[in-house]
Amino acid sequence: MRVPRLFAVFAVTAISVLGVSTASVGIASADIASATGFPPGTGDGAWRAYGNTNPITSSSSTWKCTKSIGAGWKINAQLCAVRSAFSPGAQTAVIVRNNSGDLVTAVAYAELWDQPHGDIIGSWGCGKSGVAANSWSVCFGHTVPYAYPVYAASGYVTALGGTSYFTESTPTV
């Protein structure tokens, strides 16, 4: 198995946005790509807000995730590979948990890898989105029809001026 690129880029940038609406801090997607370092060819991921519902336990899909790491003051993140319960589809997910009482913005990126061959299947990035106080939000990559075992490769999380590094990829799913 080929080793994924060193800390294959996965970024979550959480910046406290006290008293500012997410619309007033939005930026163009081209600016997001250059600001986050998304590689060329990165697909558009999609944010989904979960409120206070745990995205893993509320899903019928199989999730394999890294350990939760700190991504800033009261902000945690996990990188996951998700296998659909109803098809051979798989996707990446970046979970951001905001345990603070303030709205934060997040940017996320993840890569899905083929376990038997060690090849990258795809990469997805989610531009700036608000993560409400005391809630979960997830950046999902596109579901790809893929029956072989897959894993999500991880890199780093930057939040509130600090960077934290994942030291592992997800287990295969």
C-alpha atoms as a PDB file:
ATOM      1  CA  MET A   1       0.000   0.000   0.000  1.00  0.00           C
ATOM      2  CA  ARG A   2       1.342   3.416  -0.949  1.00  0.00           C
ATOM      3  CA  VAL A   3       1.565   5.904   1.898  1.00  0.00           C
ATOM      4  CA  PRO A   4      -0.655   8.961   1.375  1.00  0.00           C
ATOM      5  CA  ARG A   5       0.999  12.306   0.870  1.00  0.00           C
ATOM      6  CA  LEU A   6       2.543  13.522   4.117  1.00  0.00           C
ATOM      7  CA  PHE A   7      -0.354  14.936   6.076  1.00  0.00           C
ATOM      8  CA  ALA A   8      -2.532  14.862   2.956  1.00  0.00           C
ATOM      9  CA  VAL A   9      -4.245  18.180   3.255  1.00  0.00           C
ATOM     10  CA  PHE A  10      -7.260  18.369   5.488  1.00  0.00           C
ATOM     11  CA  ALA A  11      -7.926  21.769   6.959  1.00  0.00           C
ATOM     12  CA  VAL A  12     -10.499  23.185   9.245  1.00  0.00           C
ATOM     13  CA  THR A  13     -10.152  26.825  10.028  1.00  0.00           C
ATOM     14  CA  ALA A  14     -12.392  27.974  12.826  1.00  0.00           C
ATOM     15  CA  ILE A  15     -12.395  31.666  13.566  1.00  0.00           C
ATOM     16  CA  SER A  16     -14.662  33.220  16.146  1.00  0.00           C
ATOM     17  CA  VAL A  17     -17.146  35.542  14.486  1.00  0.00           C
ATOM     18  CA  LEU A  18     -18.666  37.327  17.431  1.00  0.00           C
ATOM     19  CA  GLY A  19     -21.685  39.372  16.481  1.00  0.00           C
ATOM     20  CA  VAL A  20     -21.018  39.116  12.724  1.00  0.00           C
ATOM     21  CA  SER A  21     -23.338  37.289  10.345  1.00  0.00           C
ATOM     22  CA  THR A  22     -21.854  34.587   8.143  1.00  0.00           C
ATOM     23  CA  ALA A  23     -23.086  36.494   5.079  1.00  0.00           C
ATOM     24  CA  SER A  24     -20.843  39.436   5.930  1.00  0.00           C
ATOM     25  CA  VAL A  25     -17.745  37.231   6.151  1.00  0.00           C
ATOM     26  CA  GLY A  26     -18.398  35.172   2.996  1.00  0.00           C
ATOM     27  CA  ILE A  27     -15.725  35.061   0.296  1.00  0.00           C
ATOM     28  CA  ALA A  28     -15.670  33.888  -3.310  1.00  0.00           C
ATOM     29  CA  SER A  29     -14.872  30.220  -3.933  1.00  0.00           C
ATOM     30  CA  ALA A  30     -11.698  31.149  -5.854  1.00  0.00           C
ATOM     31  CA  ASP A  31     -10.532  33.046  -2.771  1.00  0.00           C
ATOM     32  CA  ILE A  32     -11.351  30.020  -0.616  1.00  0.00           C
ATOM     33  CA  ALA A  33      -9.218  27.752  -2.800  1.00  0.00           C
ATOM     34  CA  SER A  34      -6.231  30.078  -2.640  1.00  0.00           C
ATOM     35  CA  ALA A  35      -6.699  30.847   1.062  1.00  0.00           C
ATOM     36  CA  THR A  36      -6.992  27.186   2.101  1.00  0.00           C
ATOM     37  CA  GLY A  37      -4.530  25.659  -0.339  1.00  0.00           C
ATOM     38  CA  PHE A  38      -7.080  23.283  -1.894  1.00  0.00           C
ATOM     39  CA  PRO A  39      -5.220  21.476  -4.691  1.00  0.00           C
ATOM     40  CA  PRO A  40      -6.361  21.830  -8.308  1.00  0.00           C
ATOM     41  CA  GLY A  41      -9.155  19.403  -9.123  1.00  0.00           C
ATOM     42  CA  THR A  42     -10.673  19.512  -5.644  1.00  0.00           C
ATOM     43  CA  GLY A  43     -14.401  18.825  -5.801  1.00  0.00           C
ATOM     44  CA  ASP A  44     -17.000  20.895  -4.025  1.00  0.00           C
ATOM     45  CA  GLY A  45     -18.027  19.373  -0.732  1.00  0.00           C
ATOM     46  CA  ALA A  46     -21.205  20.337   1.101  1.00  0.00           C
ATOM     47  CA  TRP A  47     -21.758  21.471   4.673  1.00  0.00           C
ATOM     48  CA  ARG A  48     -24.647  20.035   6.673  1.00  0.00           C
ATOM     49  CA  ALA A  49     -25.635  21.462  10.041  1.00  0.00           C
ATOM     50  CA  TYR A  50     -26.674  18.886  12.652  1.00  0.00           C
ATOM     51  CA  GLY A  51     -27.462  21.168  15.565  1.00  0.00           C
ATOM     52  CA  ASN A  52     -27.130  19.171  18.776  1.00  0.00           C
ATOM     53  CA  THR A  53     -27.670  15.804  17.027  1.00  0.00           C
ATOM     54  CA  ASN A  54     -24.583  13.582  16.805  1.00  0.00           C
ATOM     55  CA  PRO A  55     -24.029  12.963  13.070  1.00  0.00           C
ATOM     56  CA  ILE A  56     -22.502   9.500  13.592  1.00  0.00           C
ATOM     57  CA  THR A  57     -25.085   7.979  15.926  1.00  0.00           C
ATOM     58  CA  SER A  58     -28.010   9.473  13.969  1.00  0.00           C
ATOM     59  CA  SER A  59     -26.894   7.839  10.706  1.00  0.00           C
ATOM     60  CA  SER A  60     -27.546   4.363   9.276  1.00  0.00           C
ATOM     61  CA  SER A  61     -24.190   4.537   7.431  1.00  0.00           C
ATOM     62  CA  THR A  62     -20.929   3.071   8.749  1.00  0.00           C
ATOM     63  CA  TRP A  63     -18.481   5.730   9.943  1.00  0.00           C
ATOM     64  CA  LYS A  64     -14.768   5.138  10.625  1.00  0.00           C
ATOM     65  CA  CYS A  65     -13.115   8.188  12.129  1.00  0.00           C
ATOM     66  CA  THR A  66      -9.869   9.450  13.552  1.00  0.00           C
ATOM     67  CA  LYS A  67      -9.697  10.433  17.182  1.00  0.00           C
ATOM     68  CA  SER A  68     -11.177  13.818  17.921  1.00  0.00           C
ATOM     69  CA  ILE A  69      -8.542  16.524  18.121  1.00  0.00           C
ATOM     70  CA  GLY A  70      -8.661  20.088  19.370  1.00  0.00           C
ATOM     71  CA  ALA A  71      -9.030  22.618  16.586  1.00  0.00           C
ATOM     72  CA  GLY A  72      -9.144  25.734  18.722  1.00  0.00           C
ATOM     73  CA  TRP A  73     -10.714  26.835  21.967  1.00  0.00           C
ATOM     74  CA  LYS A  74     -13.730  24.557  22.497  1.00  0.00           C
ATOM     75  CA  ILE A  75     -13.600  23.395  18.851  1.00  0.00           C
ATOM     76  CA  ASN A  76     -12.995  19.712  18.022  1.00  0.00           C
ATOM     77  CA  ALA A  77     -12.657  17.982  14.657  1.00  0.00           C
ATOM     78  CA  GLN A  78     -12.660  14.442  13.297  1.00  0.00           C
ATOM     79  CA  LEU A  79     -11.911  13.081   9.850  1.00  0.00           C
ATOM     80  CA  CYS A  80     -14.107  10.167   8.744  1.00  0.00           C
ATOM     81  CA  ALA A  81     -14.610   7.711   5.915  1.00  0.00           C
ATOM     82  CA  VAL A  82     -18.302   6.893   5.515  1.00  0.00           C
ATOM     83  CA  ARG A  83     -19.797   3.826   3.804  1.00  0.00           C
ATOM     84  CA  SER A  84     -23.427   4.061   2.707  1.00  0.00           C
ATOM     85  CA  ALA A  85     -25.816   1.565   4.284  1.00  0.00           C
ATOM     86  CA  PHE A  86     -27.785   1.201   1.036  1.00  0.00           C
ATOM     87  CA  SER A  87     -25.178   1.090  -1.740  1.00  0.00           C
ATOM     88  CA  PRO A  88     -21.467   0.476  -2.308  1.00  0.00           C
ATOM     89  CA  GLY A  89     -20.939   4.242  -2.101  1.00  0.00           C
ATOM     90  CA  ALA A  90     -18.300   5.867   0.084  1.00  0.00           C
ATOM     91  CA  GLN A  91     -17.414   9.435   0.996  1.00  0.00           C
ATOM     92  CA  THR A  92     -15.341  11.591   3.306  1.00  0.00           C
ATOM     93  CA  ALA A  93     -16.721  13.594   6.192  1.00  0.00           C
ATOM     94  CA  VAL A  94     -15.099  16.251   8.336  1.00  0.00           C
ATOM     95  CA  ILE A  95     -16.970  16.687  11.599  1.00  0.00           C
ATOM     96  CA  VAL A  96     -16.600  20.014  13.402  1.00  0.00           C
ATOM     97  CA  ARG A  97     -17.978  20.262  16.935  1.00  0.00           C
ATOM     98  CA  ASN A  98     -18.295  23.774  18.337  1.00  0.00           C
ATOM     99  CA  ASN A  99     -18.559  23.575  22.130  1.00  0.00           C
ATOM    100  CA  SER A 100     -18.296  27.331  22.570  1.00  0.00           C
ATOM    101  CA  GLY A 101     -21.161  29.755  23.007  1.00  0.00           C
ATOM    102  CA  ASP A 102     -20.122  31.652  19.858  1.00  0.00           C
ATOM    103  CA  LEU A 103     -20.635  31.178  16.134  1.00  0.00           C
ATOM    104  CA  VAL A 104     -17.424  30.116  14.341  1.00  0.00           C
ATOM    105  CA  THR A 105     -16.623  29.779  10.659  1.00  0.00           C
ATOM    106  CA  ALA A 106     -15.003  26.674   9.248  1.00  0.00           C
ATOM    107  CA  VAL A 107     -13.265  25.592   6.045  1.00  0.00           C
ATOM    108  CA  ALA A 108     -12.598  21.877   5.496  1.00  0.00           C
ATOM    109  CA  TYR A 109     -10.764  19.588   3.050  1.00  0.00           C
ATOM    110  CA  ALA A 110     -10.396  15.795   2.906  1.00  0.00           C
ATOM    111  CA  GLU A 111      -9.190  13.031   0.581  1.00  0.00           C
ATOM    112  CA  LEU A 112     -10.653   9.556   0.024  1.00  0.00           C
ATOM    113  CA  TRP A 113      -8.132   6.772  -0.667  1.00  0.00           C
ATOM    114  CA  ASP A 114      -8.392   3.245  -2.075  1.00  0.00           C
ATOM    115  CA  GLN A 115      -7.027   0.809   0.539  1.00  0.00           C
ATOM    116  CA  PRO A 116      -6.042  -2.142  -1.678  1.00  0.00           C
ATOM    117  CA  HIS A 117      -4.146  -0.039  -4.216  1.00  0.00           C
ATOM    118  CA  GLY A 118      -3.154   3.053  -2.236  1.00  0.00           C
ATOM    119  CA  ASP A 119      -4.555   5.442  -4.856  1.00  0.00           C
ATOM    120  CA  ILE A 120      -6.461   8.635  -4.217  1.00  0.00           C
ATOM    121  CA  ILE A 121     -10.085   8.353  -5.303  1.00  0.00           C
ATOM    122  CA  GLY A 122     -10.982  12.007  -4.888  1.00  0.00           C
ATOM    123  CA  SER A 123     -10.698  15.141  -2.804  1.00  0.00           C
ATOM    124  CA  TRP A 124     -13.342  17.576  -1.639  1.00  0.00           C
ATOM    125  CA  GLY A 125     -13.302  20.951   0.029  1.00  0.00           C
ATOM    126  CA  CYS A 126     -15.992  22.962   1.771  1.00  0.00           C
ATOM    127  CA  GLY A 127     -15.721  26.742   1.786  1.00  0.00           C
ATOM    128  CA  LYS A 128     -16.466  29.012   4.714  1.00  0.00           C
ATOM    129  CA  SER A 129     -19.563  28.122   6.655  1.00  0.00           C
ATOM    130  CA  GLY A 130     -20.875  29.066  10.057  1.00  0.00           C
ATOM    131  CA  VAL A 131     -20.872  26.430  12.782  1.00  0.00           C
ATOM    132  CA  ALA A 132     -23.456  27.452  15.360  1.00  0.00           C
ATOM    133  CA  ALA A 133     -22.700  27.618  19.069  1.00  0.00           C
ATOM    134  CA  ASN A 134     -22.831  24.243  20.848  1.00  0.00           C
ATOM    135  CA  SER A 135     -23.476  22.269  17.670  1.00  0.00           C
ATOM    136  CA  TRP A 136     -22.093  19.875  15.066  1.00  0.00           C
ATOM    137  CA  SER A 137     -21.559  20.604  11.370  1.00  0.00           C
ATOM    138  CA  VAL A 138     -20.161  18.176   8.809  1.00  0.00           C
ATOM    139  CA  CYS A 139     -18.392  18.792   5.503  1.00  0.00           C
ATOM    140  CA  PHE A 140     -19.280  15.868   3.223  1.00  0.00           C
ATOM    141  CA  GLY A 141     -17.425  14.899   0.073  1.00  0.00           C
ATOM    142  CA  HIS A 142     -19.419  13.513  -2.840  1.00  0.00           C
ATOM    143  CA  THR A 143     -20.535   9.887  -2.540  1.00  0.00           C
ATOM    144  CA  VAL A 144     -18.565   7.798  -5.020  1.00  0.00           C
ATOM    145  CA  PRO A 145     -19.656   4.324  -6.166  1.00  0.00           C
ATOM    146  CA  TYR A 146     -16.787   2.254  -4.820  1.00  0.00           C
ATOM    147  CA  ALA A 147     -17.035  -1.268  -3.404  1.00  0.00           C
ATOM    148  CA  TYR A 148     -13.386  -1.728  -2.327  1.00  0.00           C
ATOM    149  CA  PRO A 149     -12.229  -0.727   1.169  1.00  0.00           C
ATOM    150  CA  VAL A 150     -11.451   2.984   1.497  1.00  0.00           C
ATOM    151  CA  TYR A 151     -10.043   5.344   4.090  1.00  0.00           C
ATOM    152  CA  ALA A 152      -9.800   9.101   4.540  1.00  0.00           C
ATOM    153  CA  ALA A 153      -6.322  10.585   4.729  1.00  0.00           C
ATOM    154  CA  SER A 154      -5.772  13.379   7.166  1.00  0.00           C
ATOM    155  CA  GLY A 155      -3.507  16.338   7.628  1.00  0.00           C
ATOM    156  CA  TYR A 156      -4.012  19.268   9.925  1.00  0.00           C
ATOM    157  CA  VAL A 157      -6.558  21.500  11.601  1.00  0.00           C
ATOM    158  CA  THR A 158      -5.995  25.228  11.951  1.00  0.00           C
ATOM    159  CA  ALA A 159      -8.205  27.186  14.301  1.00  0.00           C
ATOM    160  CA  LEU A 160      -8.002  30.450  16.148  1.00  0.00           C
ATOM    161  CA  GLY A 161      -4.354  30.976  15.248  1.00  0.00           C
ATOM    162  CA  GLY A 162      -3.095  27.468  16.104  1.00  0.00           C
ATOM    163  CA  THR A 163      -2.473  24.329  14.069  1.00  0.00           C
ATOM    164  CA  SER A 164      -3.074  20.746  15.222  1.00  0.00           C
ATOM    165  CA  TYR A 165      -1.981  17.710  13.217  1.00  0.00           C
ATOM    166  CA  PHE A 166      -3.719  14.363  12.815  1.00  0.00           C
ATOM    167  CA  THR A 167      -1.194  11.554  13.150  1.00  0.00           C
ATOM    168  CA  GLU A 168      -3.263   8.860  11.489  1.00  0.00           C
ATOM    169  CA  SER A 169      -5.646   8.122   8.658  1.00  0.00           C
ATOM    170  CA  THR A 170      -9.072   6.675   9.354  1.00  0.00           C
ATOM    171  CA  PRO A 171      -9.569   2.925   9.607  1.00  0.00           C
ATOM    172  CA  THR A 172     -10.866   1.371   6.400  1.00  0.00           C
ATOM    173  CA  VAL A 173     -14.571   1.169   5.771  1.00  0.00           C
END
